[in-house]
Amino acid sequence: MKFVIRAGGIGTRLWPYSRRDRPKQFHAFVGGRSMIQKAVARIVSLAGPDDLYVSTGKETVTAVREHLPDLSEAHLFEEPAVRDTGPAVGLESVLLETRYPGCTVASLGSDHHIGKPDEFCRLLQVAETALEEMPETLITIGVKPTRIDTGLGYIKKGERLRTILDEPVFAVEGFTEKPDDDLARAYVKSGDYLWNSNMFVWKARTILDLFSRFEPEIYDILMRIQREAERGDASEVIASEYPKMKEVPIDNAILERAQSLATLEADIDWSDIGTWGALA
């Protein structure tokens, strides 16, 4: 499995501490290490140097190098324009599929607090094993809610699809983004909903096939990038073609339209630290 730490966000809700050239993932909100350093440290038991990648914007490439000096240059994916998580996931997927055909990818955040890293790693292994049986499924890491929160997205759990390594794997029945207070309260009370952590495990080829189906214009650009990557160096075509992609979250581009979706219920002491209130 290959691991991509997505570090392209700009953390506008934590202004003025989080700024465009030094967003929240490069700050140490809790403890002495920055959030991106913690994101790498929590998966070190699973991700060796050959398996770890970081995706970030051109304005924060220098910050990534400062915070992760041991990261190989070939393992740093630069997004030349802000296009949200849809194109970012597409780029990481096409580059990894070119290098490692058939690979499984864990696409993870760089700006989350996870208080139970061992449990988090265990769930990533569950997801990897589940994909051996369900290779065309997209697996989300859903977080068991601990409070009423209207600032997060919610995943509705469906039927149990499998039990993998003693962990239930649930179908996904739908997504709701930032419900109002009454709805969020009902979701949490029902026990049928999880927070959407925006962390995923899937086959790179599966995601690319779904881009082909649902976002053909993005897919065409990704294929131009792949052709250059197969020749050796895709940096120029990425710089010229990536900004042409439309700005769209991966949820809207792919997840809400895909048919084969699953989720794991994670009890990992998680927070996206998206606001000052969440940090408190």
Protein backbone atom coordinates (compact mmCIF):
# COMPACT_ATOMS: atom_id res chain seq x y z
CA MET A 1 0.00 0.00 0.00
CA LYS A 2 1.14 3.52 -0.84
CA PHE A 3 0.36 6.41 1.49
CA VAL A 4 -0.27 9.97 0.33
CA ILE A 5 -0.43 12.78 2.88
CA ARG A 6 -2.51 15.52 1.27
CA ALA A 7 -1.03 18.85 2.38
CA GLY A 8 -2.51 21.27 -0.13
CA GLY A 9 -5.16 22.90 2.08
CA ILE A 10 -4.88 26.54 3.13
CA GLY A 11 -6.77 26.47 6.45
CA THR A 12 -8.61 29.76 6.04
CA ARG A 13 -10.88 29.19 9.05
CA LEU A 14 -7.88 29.38 11.39
CA TRP A 15 -6.77 32.79 10.15
CA PRO A 16 -4.67 34.71 11.12
CA TYR A 17 -2.50 31.89 12.54
CA SER A 18 -3.00 29.76 9.42
CA ARG A 19 -2.04 31.66 6.26
CA ARG A 20 -1.76 30.79 2.58
CA ASP A 21 2.02 30.34 2.64
CA ARG A 22 2.01 28.62 6.06
CA PRO A 23 -1.35 26.85 6.53
CA LYS A 24 -2.36 24.91 9.61
CA GLN A 25 -0.64 21.64 8.71
CA PHE A 26 2.72 23.36 9.22
CA HIS A 27 1.92 24.53 12.75
CA ALA A 28 2.26 22.71 16.06
CA PHE A 29 -1.15 23.19 17.65
CA VAL A 30 -0.84 20.30 20.10
CA GLY A 31 2.64 19.31 21.27
CA GLY A 32 6.00 20.17 19.75
CA ARG A 33 5.69 18.71 16.26
CA SER A 34 3.77 20.21 13.36
CA MET A 35 0.59 18.52 12.17
CA ILE A 36 2.20 17.25 8.99
CA GLN A 37 5.07 15.76 10.99
CA LYS A 38 2.53 14.00 13.20
CA ALA A 39 0.63 12.77 10.14
CA VAL A 40 3.78 11.03 8.96
CA ALA A 41 4.80 9.78 12.41
CA ARG A 42 1.46 8.10 13.09
CA ILE A 43 1.79 5.80 10.06
CA VAL A 44 5.51 5.08 10.31
CA SER A 45 4.78 1.49 11.40
CA LEU A 46 3.07 0.91 8.04
CA ALA A 47 4.73 3.31 5.61
CA GLY A 48 8.42 2.96 4.88
CA PRO A 49 10.31 5.66 2.92
CA ASP A 50 9.47 3.95 -0.38
CA ASP A 51 5.73 3.97 0.40
CA LEU A 52 5.25 7.53 1.69
CA TYR A 53 4.26 10.45 -0.54
CA VAL A 54 3.14 14.03 0.08
CA SER A 55 0.93 16.11 -2.22
CA THR A 56 0.99 19.88 -1.76
CA GLY A 57 0.57 23.21 -3.54
CA LYS A 58 3.41 25.13 -5.14
CA GLU A 59 3.30 27.76 -2.38
CA THR A 60 3.97 25.19 0.35
CA VAL A 61 6.58 22.96 -1.33
CA THR A 62 9.34 24.69 0.62
CA ALA A 63 7.46 24.21 3.89
CA VAL A 64 7.07 20.47 3.20
CA ARG A 65 10.81 20.18 2.59
CA GLU A 66 11.53 22.04 5.83
CA HIS A 67 9.20 19.88 7.92
CA LEU A 68 9.99 16.56 6.20
CA PRO A 69 13.66 16.80 5.19
CA ASP A 70 13.97 13.02 4.68
CA LEU A 71 11.21 12.90 2.07
CA SER A 72 12.56 12.00 -1.36
CA GLU A 73 12.08 14.59 -4.10
CA ALA A 74 10.39 11.94 -6.23
CA HIS A 75 7.84 11.42 -3.45
CA LEU A 76 6.67 15.04 -3.40
CA PHE A 77 3.75 15.73 -5.74
CA GLU A 78 3.38 19.43 -6.50
CA GLU A 79 -0.07 20.82 -7.35
CA PRO A 80 0.62 23.93 -9.47
CA ALA A 81 -2.81 25.46 -8.76
CA VAL A 82 -5.48 25.20 -6.06
CA ARG A 83 -8.12 22.85 -7.48
CA ASP A 84 -9.49 21.16 -4.32
CA THR A 85 -9.29 17.47 -3.49
CA GLY A 86 -10.78 16.13 -6.73
CA PRO A 87 -7.88 17.00 -9.05
CA ALA A 88 -5.38 16.43 -6.21
CA VAL A 89 -6.59 12.86 -5.75
CA GLY A 90 -6.62 12.39 -9.51
CA LEU A 91 -3.00 13.53 -9.77
CA GLU A 92 -1.72 11.31 -6.97
CA SER A 93 -3.67 8.36 -8.37
CA VAL A 94 -2.37 8.65 -11.92
CA LEU A 95 1.25 9.13 -10.83
CA LEU A 96 1.16 6.16 -8.44
CA GLU A 97 -0.70 3.92 -10.89
CA THR A 98 1.97 4.70 -13.48
CA ARG A 99 4.76 3.78 -11.07
CA TYR A 100 3.02 0.86 -9.36
CA PRO A 101 0.28 -0.62 -11.57
CA GLY A 102 -2.55 -2.09 -9.51
CA CYS A 103 -1.48 -0.33 -6.31
CA THR A 104 -3.66 0.40 -3.28
CA VAL A 105 -3.51 3.99 -2.03
CA ALA A 106 -4.34 5.41 1.39
CA SER A 107 -5.16 9.08 0.75
CA LEU A 108 -4.88 10.82 4.11
CA GLY A 109 -5.10 14.30 5.61
CA SER A 110 -2.18 16.29 6.95
CA ASP A 111 -4.10 18.53 9.33
CA HIS A 112 -5.99 16.17 11.65
CA HIS A 113 -5.58 15.23 15.28
CA ILE A 114 -5.73 11.48 15.86
CA GLY A 115 -5.30 10.51 19.48
CA LYS A 116 -5.24 6.74 18.83
CA PRO A 117 -2.65 6.23 16.08
CA ASP A 118 -2.31 2.48 16.66
CA GLU A 119 -6.04 1.98 16.12
CA PHE A 120 -5.89 4.20 13.06
CA CYS A 121 -3.12 2.06 11.56
CA ARG A 122 -5.08 -1.09 12.34
CA LEU A 123 -8.07 0.25 10.40
CA LEU A 124 -5.87 1.12 7.44
CA GLN A 125 -4.72 -2.51 7.40
CA VAL A 126 -8.36 -3.64 7.59
CA ALA A 127 -9.14 -1.45 4.58
CA GLU A 128 -6.19 -2.82 2.62
CA THR A 129 -7.29 -6.39 3.34
CA ALA A 130 -10.91 -5.59 2.43
CA LEU A 131 -9.79 -4.37 -0.99
CA GLU A 132 -8.34 -7.79 -1.71
CA GLU A 133 -11.94 -9.07 -1.64
CA MET A 134 -13.61 -5.90 -2.98
CA PRO A 135 -11.05 -4.27 -5.33
CA GLU A 136 -13.58 -1.95 -7.00
CA THR A 137 -14.83 -0.52 -3.70
CA LEU A 138 -13.93 2.91 -2.33
CA ILE A 139 -13.38 2.74 1.43
CA THR A 140 -13.84 5.78 3.65
CA ILE A 141 -12.62 6.11 7.21
CA GLY A 142 -15.77 7.22 9.03
CA VAL A 143 -15.41 8.55 12.56
CA LYS A 144 -17.82 7.71 15.35
CA PRO A 145 -19.32 11.07 16.45
CA THR A 146 -18.60 12.27 19.96
CA ARG A 147 -20.74 15.42 19.91
CA ILE A 148 -23.27 17.39 17.88
CA ASP A 149 -21.28 19.20 15.17
CA THR A 150 -22.78 21.14 12.26
CA GLY A 151 -19.43 21.97 10.70
CA LEU A 152 -18.61 18.44 9.52
CA GLY A 153 -19.84 16.09 6.81
CA TYR A 154 -21.72 12.93 7.76
CA ILE A 155 -21.75 9.43 6.24
CA LYS A 156 -24.84 7.25 6.57
CA LYS A 157 -23.96 3.63 7.33
CA GLY A 158 -25.82 0.90 5.50
CA GLU A 159 -25.72 -2.87 5.77
CA ARG A 160 -22.69 -4.81 6.94
CA LEU A 161 -20.89 -6.00 3.81
CA ARG A 162 -18.05 -7.98 5.33
CA THR A 163 -16.22 -8.64 8.54
CA ILE A 164 -12.50 -8.19 7.91
CA LEU A 165 -9.95 -8.94 10.64
CA ASP A 166 -12.85 -8.87 13.13
CA GLU A 167 -13.89 -5.38 11.94
CA PRO A 168 -17.30 -4.74 10.32
CA VAL A 169 -17.22 -3.10 6.90
CA PHE A 170 -20.42 -1.17 6.19
CA ALA A 171 -21.99 -0.04 2.93
CA VAL A 172 -22.39 3.72 2.48
CA GLU A 173 -25.94 4.90 1.88
CA GLY A 174 -25.23 8.60 1.46
CA PHE A 175 -23.41 11.76 2.46
CA THR A 176 -24.66 14.96 4.08
CA GLU A 177 -22.44 18.03 4.24
CA LYS A 178 -22.74 20.27 7.31
CA PRO A 179 -26.33 19.58 8.44
CA ASP A 180 -28.24 22.02 10.61
CA ASP A 181 -28.36 21.54 14.38
CA ASP A 182 -31.59 19.52 14.48
CA LEU A 183 -30.43 17.18 11.74
CA ALA A 184 -26.97 16.71 13.23
CA ARG A 185 -28.57 15.95 16.60
CA ALA A 186 -30.81 13.32 15.00
CA TYR A 187 -27.87 11.80 13.13
CA VAL A 188 -25.76 11.39 16.25
CA LYS A 189 -28.67 10.04 18.30
CA SER A 190 -29.52 7.41 15.66
CA GLY A 191 -26.08 5.79 15.69
CA ASP A 192 -26.37 5.33 11.92
CA TYR A 193 -24.09 8.19 10.94
CA LEU A 194 -20.35 8.77 11.03
CA TRP A 195 -18.27 11.90 10.53
CA ASN A 196 -16.61 12.08 7.14
CA SER A 197 -12.89 12.39 7.89
CA ASN A 198 -11.98 12.74 4.19
CA MET A 199 -9.49 9.89 4.53
CA PHE A 200 -9.78 7.05 2.06
CA VAL A 201 -8.31 3.75 0.91
CA TRP A 202 -8.81 2.49 -2.65
CA LYS A 203 -7.19 1.14 -5.77
CA ALA A 204 -5.67 3.91 -7.88
CA ARG A 205 -7.02 2.24 -11.02
CA THR A 206 -10.55 2.25 -9.59
CA ILE A 207 -10.46 5.99 -8.94
CA LEU A 208 -9.13 6.68 -12.42
CA ASP A 209 -11.88 4.57 -13.97
CA LEU A 210 -14.45 6.59 -12.03
CA PHE A 211 -12.90 9.87 -13.23
CA SER A 212 -13.28 8.50 -16.75
CA ARG A 213 -16.98 7.90 -16.11
CA PHE A 214 -17.98 10.95 -14.08
CA GLU A 215 -15.38 13.64 -14.85
CA PRO A 216 -14.15 12.95 -18.41
CA GLU A 217 -12.52 16.37 -18.84
CA ILE A 218 -10.37 15.84 -15.74
CA TYR A 219 -9.67 12.28 -16.86
CA ASP A 220 -8.41 13.43 -20.25
CA ILE A 221 -5.92 15.73 -18.55
CA LEU A 222 -4.83 12.93 -16.21
CA MET A 223 -4.19 10.69 -19.20
CA ARG A 224 -2.00 13.38 -20.80
CA ILE A 225 -0.06 13.50 -17.54
CA GLN A 226 0.22 9.72 -17.48
CA ARG A 227 1.65 9.56 -21.00
CA GLU A 228 4.42 11.97 -20.02
CA ALA A 229 5.02 10.17 -16.70
CA GLU A 230 5.50 6.92 -18.60
CA ARG A 231 8.23 8.62 -20.63
CA GLY A 232 9.98 9.71 -17.44
CA ASP A 233 9.21 13.31 -16.41
CA ALA A 234 5.71 14.77 -16.27
CA SER A 235 6.57 18.01 -14.44
CA GLU A 236 6.09 20.29 -17.46
CA VAL A 237 2.76 18.83 -18.50
CA ILE A 238 1.54 18.90 -14.88
CA ALA A 239 2.47 22.59 -14.67
CA SER A 240 0.63 23.41 -17.89
CA GLU A 241 -2.36 21.04 -17.70
CA TYR A 242 -3.25 20.75 -13.99
CA PRO A 243 -4.50 24.37 -13.71
CA LYS A 244 -7.01 23.59 -16.50
CA MET A 245 -8.90 21.14 -14.28
CA LYS A 246 -12.06 22.41 -12.67
CA GLU A 247 -12.02 23.03 -8.92
CA VAL A 248 -14.07 20.28 -7.26
CA PRO A 249 -13.91 18.22 -4.04
CA ILE A 250 -13.41 14.48 -4.44
CA ASP A 251 -16.74 13.98 -2.64
CA ASN A 252 -18.69 15.81 -5.35
CA ALA A 253 -16.59 14.56 -8.24
CA ILE A 254 -16.58 10.85 -7.39
CA LEU A 255 -17.78 9.66 -3.98
CA GLU A 256 -21.37 10.89 -4.12
CA ARG A 257 -21.78 9.35 -7.57
CA ALA A 258 -19.98 6.02 -7.14
CA GLN A 259 -21.97 2.86 -6.52
CA SER A 260 -19.49 0.70 -4.61
CA LEU A 261 -18.73 2.52 -1.38
CA ALA A 262 -17.87 1.21 2.07
CA THR A 263 -16.94 2.72 5.42
CA LEU A 264 -15.18 1.69 8.59
CA GLU A 265 -16.37 3.01 11.94
CA ALA A 266 -13.31 4.55 13.55
CA ASP A 267 -12.98 5.32 17.25
CA ILE A 268 -9.64 7.13 17.01
CA ASP A 269 -10.05 10.37 19.01
CA TRP A 270 -10.22 12.38 15.79
CA SER A 271 -10.59 16.09 15.08
CA ASP A 272 -9.99 18.00 11.87
CA ILE A 273 -9.04 21.10 13.93
CA GLY A 274 -10.90 23.07 11.28
CA THR A 275 -11.88 25.97 13.53
CA TRP A 276 -10.68 27.65 16.71
CA GLY A 277 -13.63 26.05 18.49
CA ALA A 278 -12.59 22.57 17.35
CA LEU A 279 -9.05 23.23 18.58
CA ALA A 280 -10.37 24.29 21.98
